Amino acid sequence: MIFKNKSVVSIRPSDYSTTSSSVNTVVECSRSECIETTGELRVSKLSAWYDDKVVLKEVSFALQQNEFVCLCGPNGAGKSTLLSVMAGVADAGLKASGQVGWFRYDASHHSTTGASEIMVVECDAKRRVSKPPRHELARLIAYLQQNEYSEWDFTVQDYVLQGRYAYTRYSHYSPEDYAVVDSVLCELGLSDFSQRHIHSLSGGEFQKIRLARALAQTPRFLLLDEPAANLDYVYEPHLMKLLRTTAHSKNIGVLAAVHDINLAATFADKILLLPSAATTAADESSDNSKKSVLFGTPSDIMNTENLKYTFGVDFECKEIKSFQSLL
């Protein structure tokens, strides 16, 4: 949306936590009401590059369980690379340094233990990346890539059942696995889709089925690469609301790369702005010049200086009371 030659972003009101005038109220649990064992996926000084091209430069932040975070940045900034490295499935040609690990909270939820439960990515002195077994990662992190197509026309039930593979013995699914799938489909309102074939689904329906498969993994963290891509304006906010509700009700840390910063400002608990590595290296005029990422609540992060530093264009920020309001 263009307004006076400037991009326009709407900022969510500070008291907009679970509802707005145009979004139905959702029931969310507090951290203390959710699963007792909780923690954070901590990224520490993560850098990544292909040959001489730097993609990520010393990125550090923590994704907490029970939190919905939107990852925003220009094309080529490294959003997909960051998500894939965090999920432990990065391109074999990618070189990296730094760490990604799951750290568990203590009983009071105020601090983390000194050692990680699982170190997802750890680079040695020769920049070689070590990772735990794939089945361990699949139980910790569910990852949805941008695009996916299946040559096999699975039923929805069989497709979602694939999310349980990390829990199988000798590739055999148990009655418990089927029960988890049925429960997830029910929670997402997809029970009637169970015996439909995935090639018959619309783009929005298939996205929900992909989300169901990820939730069937019962992960602690859910990483999504542009989950709202190619969806219409009606379904985009519905999906974002679903992700936020999922994070809060299931005690899952959700990190989703999105291009619509208005949607991010409306639904996210926190926003991670990722400028390109070239921007962070070249721009010395801003107070942010030495920051590889900008991370915080929408009200703290979404201002004209931060957005210009991230995207390289001028923005005008206005606070609106309803998501459906037009400028």
Protein backbone atom coordinates (compact mmCIF):
# COMPACT_ATOMS: atom_id res chain seq x y z
CA MET A 1 0.00 0.00 0.00
CA ILE A 2 1.48 3.35 -1.04
CA PHE A 3 0.69 6.56 0.83
CA LYS A 4 2.41 9.85 0.01
CA ASN A 5 5.31 7.99 -1.65
CA LYS A 6 5.91 6.08 1.52
CA SER A 7 5.10 2.53 2.55
CA VAL A 8 2.49 2.39 5.28
CA VAL A 9 2.50 0.03 8.24
CA SER A 10 -0.23 -0.17 10.86
CA ILE A 11 0.96 -0.64 14.42
CA ARG A 12 -1.03 -2.83 16.77
CA PRO A 13 -2.35 -0.94 19.82
CA SER A 14 -0.38 -1.72 22.98
CA ASP A 15 -3.44 -3.29 24.63
CA TYR A 16 -4.17 -5.56 21.63
CA SER A 17 -3.29 -8.95 23.10
CA THR A 18 -6.02 -11.43 22.35
CA THR A 19 -8.68 -9.57 20.40
CA SER A 20 -9.56 -6.55 18.30
CA SER A 21 -12.82 -5.14 17.02
CA SER A 22 -12.53 -7.18 13.86
CA VAL A 23 -10.93 -10.39 15.12
CA ASN A 24 -12.83 -12.89 17.23
CA THR A 25 -11.65 -13.40 20.80
CA VAL A 26 -9.43 -16.44 21.28
CA VAL A 27 -8.85 -18.25 24.56
CA GLU A 28 -5.18 -18.41 25.44
CA CYS A 29 -3.38 -19.88 28.43
CA SER A 30 -0.72 -18.09 30.41
CA ARG A 31 2.80 -19.52 30.59
CA SER A 32 2.12 -20.96 34.04
CA GLU A 33 -1.03 -22.72 32.78
CA CYS A 34 0.72 -24.41 29.88
CA ILE A 35 3.00 -27.44 29.85
CA GLU A 36 5.37 -27.32 32.83
CA THR A 37 8.50 -28.14 30.85
CA THR A 38 9.28 -25.14 28.71
CA GLY A 39 12.30 -23.32 27.35
CA GLU A 40 13.74 -21.41 24.43
CA LEU A 41 15.49 -22.04 21.15
CA ARG A 42 18.57 -19.86 21.49
CA VAL A 43 20.50 -18.59 18.48
CA SER A 44 23.99 -17.34 19.37
CA LYS A 45 26.24 -15.41 16.98
CA LEU A 46 25.03 -17.39 13.98
CA SER A 47 26.73 -16.56 10.69
CA ALA A 48 26.24 -18.33 7.36
CA TRP A 49 27.71 -17.95 3.89
CA TYR A 50 28.14 -19.55 0.48
CA ASP A 51 31.74 -19.24 -0.69
CA ASP A 52 32.33 -15.46 -0.56
CA LYS A 53 28.67 -14.41 -0.15
CA VAL A 54 27.68 -13.67 3.45
CA VAL A 55 24.01 -14.50 4.11
CA LEU A 56 23.79 -14.15 7.90
CA LYS A 57 26.16 -12.21 10.15
CA GLU A 58 26.31 -12.93 13.91
CA VAL A 59 22.57 -13.27 14.45
CA SER A 60 21.53 -13.70 18.08
CA PHE A 61 18.06 -13.99 19.63
CA ALA A 62 15.89 -16.46 21.57
CA LEU A 63 12.56 -17.95 20.53
CA GLN A 64 10.55 -18.87 23.61
CA GLN A 65 7.86 -21.51 23.81
CA ASN A 66 4.33 -20.08 24.09
CA GLU A 67 5.35 -17.19 21.81
CA PHE A 68 4.45 -16.21 18.22
CA VAL A 69 7.25 -14.33 16.47
CA CYS A 70 7.16 -12.95 12.92
CA LEU A 71 10.40 -12.80 10.92
CA CYS A 72 10.43 -9.86 8.50
CA GLY A 73 13.06 -8.56 6.10
CA PRO A 74 13.78 -7.78 2.44
CA ASN A 75 14.26 -10.43 -0.22
CA GLY A 76 17.71 -11.97 0.06
CA ALA A 77 18.18 -10.99 3.70
CA GLY A 78 18.55 -14.64 4.73
CA LYS A 79 15.15 -15.42 6.28
CA SER A 80 14.90 -18.86 4.64
CA THR A 81 18.53 -19.60 5.48
CA LEU A 82 18.01 -18.66 9.12
CA LEU A 83 14.97 -20.92 9.42
CA SER A 84 16.64 -23.87 7.71
CA VAL A 85 19.77 -23.60 9.86
CA MET A 86 17.64 -23.39 13.01
CA ALA A 87 15.80 -26.51 11.87
CA GLY A 88 19.06 -28.34 11.17
CA VAL A 89 18.27 -28.91 7.49
CA ALA A 90 20.41 -26.27 5.78
CA ASP A 91 21.87 -26.71 2.30
CA ALA A 92 24.97 -28.92 2.31
CA GLY A 93 26.94 -26.18 0.56
CA LEU A 94 26.24 -23.64 3.30
CA LYS A 95 29.05 -22.84 5.73
CA ALA A 96 28.16 -21.63 9.20
CA SER A 97 29.51 -20.58 12.56
CA GLY A 98 27.72 -20.10 15.85
CA GLN A 99 25.22 -22.14 17.82
CA VAL A 100 21.53 -23.00 17.96
CA GLY A 101 20.35 -24.89 21.04
CA TRP A 102 17.30 -25.69 23.12
CA PHE A 103 17.64 -24.46 26.70
CA ARG A 104 15.11 -25.58 29.29
CA TYR A 105 13.66 -23.24 31.89
CA ASP A 106 13.90 -24.05 35.56
CA ALA A 107 10.75 -24.62 37.61
CA SER A 108 10.20 -20.90 38.23
CA HIS A 109 10.44 -20.10 34.47
CA HIS A 110 12.70 -17.16 35.29
CA SER A 111 16.08 -18.49 34.15
CA THR A 112 17.58 -21.20 32.00
CA THR A 113 19.86 -24.03 32.91
CA GLY A 114 23.51 -23.64 32.04
CA ALA A 115 23.63 -26.47 29.51
CA SER A 116 21.33 -27.03 26.56
CA GLU A 117 19.11 -30.09 26.34
CA ILE A 118 19.77 -30.43 22.60
CA MET A 119 22.36 -28.52 20.57
CA VAL A 120 20.78 -28.21 17.11
CA VAL A 121 23.75 -26.56 15.42
CA GLU A 122 27.27 -26.35 16.79
CA CYS A 123 30.30 -25.46 14.69
CA ASP A 124 33.79 -26.64 15.53
CA ALA A 125 37.05 -24.79 14.90
CA LYS A 126 37.02 -25.92 11.27
CA ARG A 127 33.49 -24.55 10.78
CA ARG A 128 32.05 -28.03 10.47
CA VAL A 129 28.43 -28.24 11.61
CA SER A 130 27.46 -31.04 13.99
CA LYS A 131 23.80 -31.97 14.56
CA PRO A 132 21.93 -34.53 16.67
CA PRO A 133 20.13 -37.49 15.03
CA ARG A 134 17.29 -36.46 12.73
CA HIS A 135 14.58 -38.14 14.79
CA GLU A 136 15.61 -36.11 17.87
CA LEU A 137 15.37 -32.86 15.94
CA ALA A 138 11.98 -33.84 14.49
CA ARG A 139 10.61 -34.23 18.00
CA LEU A 140 11.91 -30.80 18.97
CA ILE A 141 11.38 -28.72 15.80
CA ALA A 142 8.80 -28.86 13.01
CA TYR A 143 9.81 -26.98 9.86
CA LEU A 144 7.59 -25.94 6.94
CA GLN A 145 9.40 -24.86 3.80
CA GLN A 146 8.00 -22.26 1.41
CA ASN A 147 6.79 -24.66 -1.26
CA GLU A 148 5.87 -28.30 -1.22
CA TYR A 149 4.31 -30.68 -3.71
CA SER A 150 3.68 -34.38 -3.31
CA GLU A 151 3.73 -36.67 -6.32
CA TRP A 152 1.60 -39.09 -4.32
CA ASP A 153 -2.04 -38.17 -3.83
CA PHE A 154 -2.22 -39.15 -0.16
CA THR A 155 -5.37 -38.94 1.88
CA VAL A 156 -5.25 -36.13 4.40
CA GLN A 157 -5.01 -38.63 7.25
CA ASP A 158 -2.03 -40.43 5.72
CA TYR A 159 -0.33 -37.13 4.88
CA VAL A 160 -0.66 -35.80 8.43
CA LEU A 161 0.39 -39.19 9.79
CA GLN A 162 3.85 -38.60 8.29
CA GLY A 163 4.40 -36.11 11.10
CA ARG A 164 4.53 -39.05 13.50
CA TYR A 165 7.41 -40.78 11.69
CA ALA A 166 9.99 -39.70 14.29
CA TYR A 167 8.07 -41.64 16.93
CA THR A 168 7.67 -44.88 14.99
CA ARG A 169 9.49 -48.15 15.54
CA TYR A 170 10.59 -49.87 12.35
CA SER A 171 8.39 -47.42 10.38
CA HIS A 172 5.17 -48.83 11.85
CA TYR A 173 2.55 -46.40 13.12
CA SER A 174 0.88 -47.20 16.42
CA PRO A 175 -2.73 -46.62 17.54
CA GLU A 176 -1.37 -43.69 19.56
CA ASP A 177 -0.01 -42.11 16.35
CA TYR A 178 -3.42 -42.36 14.71
CA ALA A 179 -5.01 -40.89 17.83
CA VAL A 180 -2.66 -37.89 17.72
CA VAL A 181 -3.52 -37.30 14.05
CA ASP A 182 -7.26 -37.50 14.71
CA SER A 183 -6.88 -35.08 17.63
CA VAL A 184 -4.92 -32.52 15.58
CA LEU A 185 -7.40 -32.68 12.68
CA CYS A 186 -10.24 -32.18 15.14
CA GLU A 187 -8.57 -29.19 16.82
CA LEU A 188 -8.02 -27.50 13.45
CA GLY A 189 -11.54 -28.23 12.26
CA LEU A 190 -10.29 -30.62 9.59
CA SER A 191 -11.91 -33.89 10.64
CA ASP A 192 -14.19 -33.84 7.58
CA PHE A 193 -11.08 -33.67 5.37
CA SER A 194 -9.60 -36.89 6.74
CA GLN A 195 -10.34 -39.09 3.73
CA ARG A 196 -10.03 -36.42 1.07
CA HIS A 197 -7.00 -36.55 -1.22
CA ILE A 198 -4.47 -33.73 -0.96
CA HIS A 199 -4.47 -33.00 -4.71
CA SER A 200 -8.13 -32.00 -4.41
CA LEU A 201 -7.41 -29.30 -1.80
CA SER A 202 -7.20 -25.57 -2.37
CA GLY A 203 -4.01 -23.70 -1.53
CA GLY A 204 -5.40 -22.47 1.79
CA GLU A 205 -6.70 -25.92 2.71
CA PHE A 206 -3.36 -27.52 1.90
CA GLN A 207 -1.57 -24.99 4.11
CA LYS A 208 -3.76 -26.02 7.03
CA ILE A 209 -3.04 -29.68 6.30
CA ARG A 210 0.69 -28.95 6.28
CA LEU A 211 0.29 -27.19 9.62
CA ALA A 212 -1.60 -30.21 10.94
CA ARG A 213 1.25 -32.51 9.90
CA ALA A 214 3.73 -30.26 11.71
CA LEU A 215 1.60 -30.20 14.87
CA ALA A 216 1.32 -34.00 14.72
CA GLN A 217 5.06 -34.03 15.42
CA THR A 218 4.16 -32.53 18.84
CA PRO A 219 7.18 -30.21 18.57
CA ARG A 220 8.33 -27.59 21.01
CA PHE A 221 9.09 -25.18 18.15
CA LEU A 222 7.43 -24.55 14.80
CA LEU A 223 9.38 -22.76 12.04
CA LEU A 224 7.45 -21.63 8.96
CA ASP A 225 8.83 -20.07 5.79
CA GLU A 226 6.21 -17.70 4.33
CA PRO A 227 3.14 -19.71 5.39
CA ALA A 228 0.82 -16.99 4.05
CA ALA A 229 2.36 -16.93 0.55
CA ASN A 230 -0.22 -17.14 -2.27
CA LEU A 231 -3.14 -16.90 0.15
CA ASP A 232 -5.94 -14.37 -0.29
CA TYR A 233 -6.59 -11.41 2.00
CA VAL A 234 -9.38 -13.26 3.81
CA TYR A 235 -7.37 -16.36 4.66
CA GLU A 236 -4.08 -14.60 5.56
CA PRO A 237 -5.32 -13.10 8.86
CA HIS A 238 -7.15 -16.35 9.64
CA LEU A 239 -3.88 -18.28 9.33
CA MET A 240 -1.96 -15.75 11.41
CA LYS A 241 -4.57 -15.89 14.15
CA LEU A 242 -4.40 -19.69 14.03
CA LEU A 243 -0.61 -19.65 14.45
CA ARG A 244 -0.81 -17.25 17.39
CA THR A 245 -3.51 -19.33 19.08
CA THR A 246 -1.50 -22.50 18.47
CA ALA A 247 1.61 -20.99 20.06
CA HIS A 248 -0.28 -19.96 23.20
CA SER A 249 -2.56 -22.96 23.63
CA LYS A 250 0.06 -25.66 22.91
CA ASN A 251 3.10 -23.98 24.49
CA ILE A 252 4.94 -23.98 21.15
CA GLY A 253 7.46 -21.38 20.04
CA VAL A 254 6.33 -20.29 16.55
CA LEU A 255 8.63 -18.36 14.20
CA ALA A 256 7.10 -17.46 10.83
CA ALA A 257 8.69 -15.55 7.96
CA VAL A 258 6.12 -13.12 6.54
CA HIS A 259 6.27 -10.28 4.02
CA ASP A 260 3.17 -8.42 5.21
CA ILE A 261 4.43 -6.26 8.05
CA ASN A 262 0.88 -5.10 8.79
CA LEU A 263 -0.09 -8.69 9.56
CA ALA A 264 3.06 -9.09 11.64
CA ALA A 265 2.30 -5.96 13.67
CA THR A 266 -1.29 -7.11 14.23
CA PHE A 267 -0.81 -10.70 15.33
CA ALA A 268 2.78 -11.27 16.51
CA ASP A 269 3.85 -11.26 20.15
CA LYS A 270 7.29 -10.16 18.94
CA ILE A 271 8.89 -9.24 15.64
CA LEU A 272 12.37 -10.11 14.37
CA LEU A 273 13.57 -7.67 11.72
CA LEU A 274 16.40 -9.10 9.62
CA PRO A 275 18.27 -6.61 7.40
CA SER A 276 20.52 -8.01 4.71
CA ALA A 277 24.10 -8.71 5.72
CA ALA A 278 25.20 -6.08 3.17
CA THR A 279 23.04 -3.47 4.91
CA THR A 280 24.46 -4.17 8.35
CA ALA A 281 27.99 -3.94 6.95
CA ALA A 282 27.49 -0.76 4.92
CA ASP A 283 25.11 1.47 6.90
CA GLU A 284 26.95 3.41 9.58
CA SER A 285 24.57 6.40 9.69
CA SER A 286 21.97 4.69 11.88
CA ASP A 287 22.06 3.86 15.57
CA ASN A 288 21.28 0.32 14.46
CA SER A 289 24.37 0.07 12.23
CA LYS A 290 26.02 -2.62 14.35
CA LYS A 291 22.86 -4.70 14.91
CA SER A 292 22.42 -7.84 12.83
CA VAL A 293 18.77 -8.17 13.91
CA LEU A 294 16.16 -6.01 15.65
CA PHE A 295 13.99 -7.99 18.05
CA GLY A 296 11.13 -6.98 20.32
CA THR A 297 7.41 -6.31 20.64
CA PRO A 298 5.58 -4.65 17.72
CA SER A 299 5.23 -1.38 19.63
CA ASP A 300 8.99 -1.32 20.32
CA ILE A 301 10.22 -2.49 16.93
CA MET A 302 7.85 -1.08 14.32
CA ASN A 303 9.04 2.48 13.94
CA THR A 304 10.23 4.46 10.93
CA GLU A 305 13.94 4.25 11.78
CA ASN A 306 13.99 0.48 12.28
CA LEU A 307 11.91 -0.20 9.17
CA LYS A 308 14.04 2.04 6.98
CA TYR A 309 17.21 0.41 8.31
CA THR A 310 15.77 -3.03 7.54
CA PHE A 311 14.13 -2.43 4.15
CA GLY A 312 16.01 0.62 2.83
CA VAL A 313 12.88 2.69 2.10
CA ASP A 314 10.91 5.32 4.01
CA PHE A 315 7.87 4.26 6.03
CA GLU A 316 5.02 6.10 7.63
CA CYS A 317 3.61 4.36 10.71
CA LYS A 318 0.04 4.88 11.91
CA GLU A 319 -1.79 3.20 14.75
CA ILE A 320 -5.24 1.92 13.83
CA LYS A 321 -7.87 0.38 16.08
CA SER A 322 -9.20 -2.22 13.65
CA PHE A 323 -7.34 -4.60 11.37
CA GLN A 324 -9.93 -3.87 8.64
CA SER A 325 -9.39 -0.10 8.71
CA LEU A 326 -8.09 1.43 5.51
CA LEU A 327 -5.71 4.39 5.24
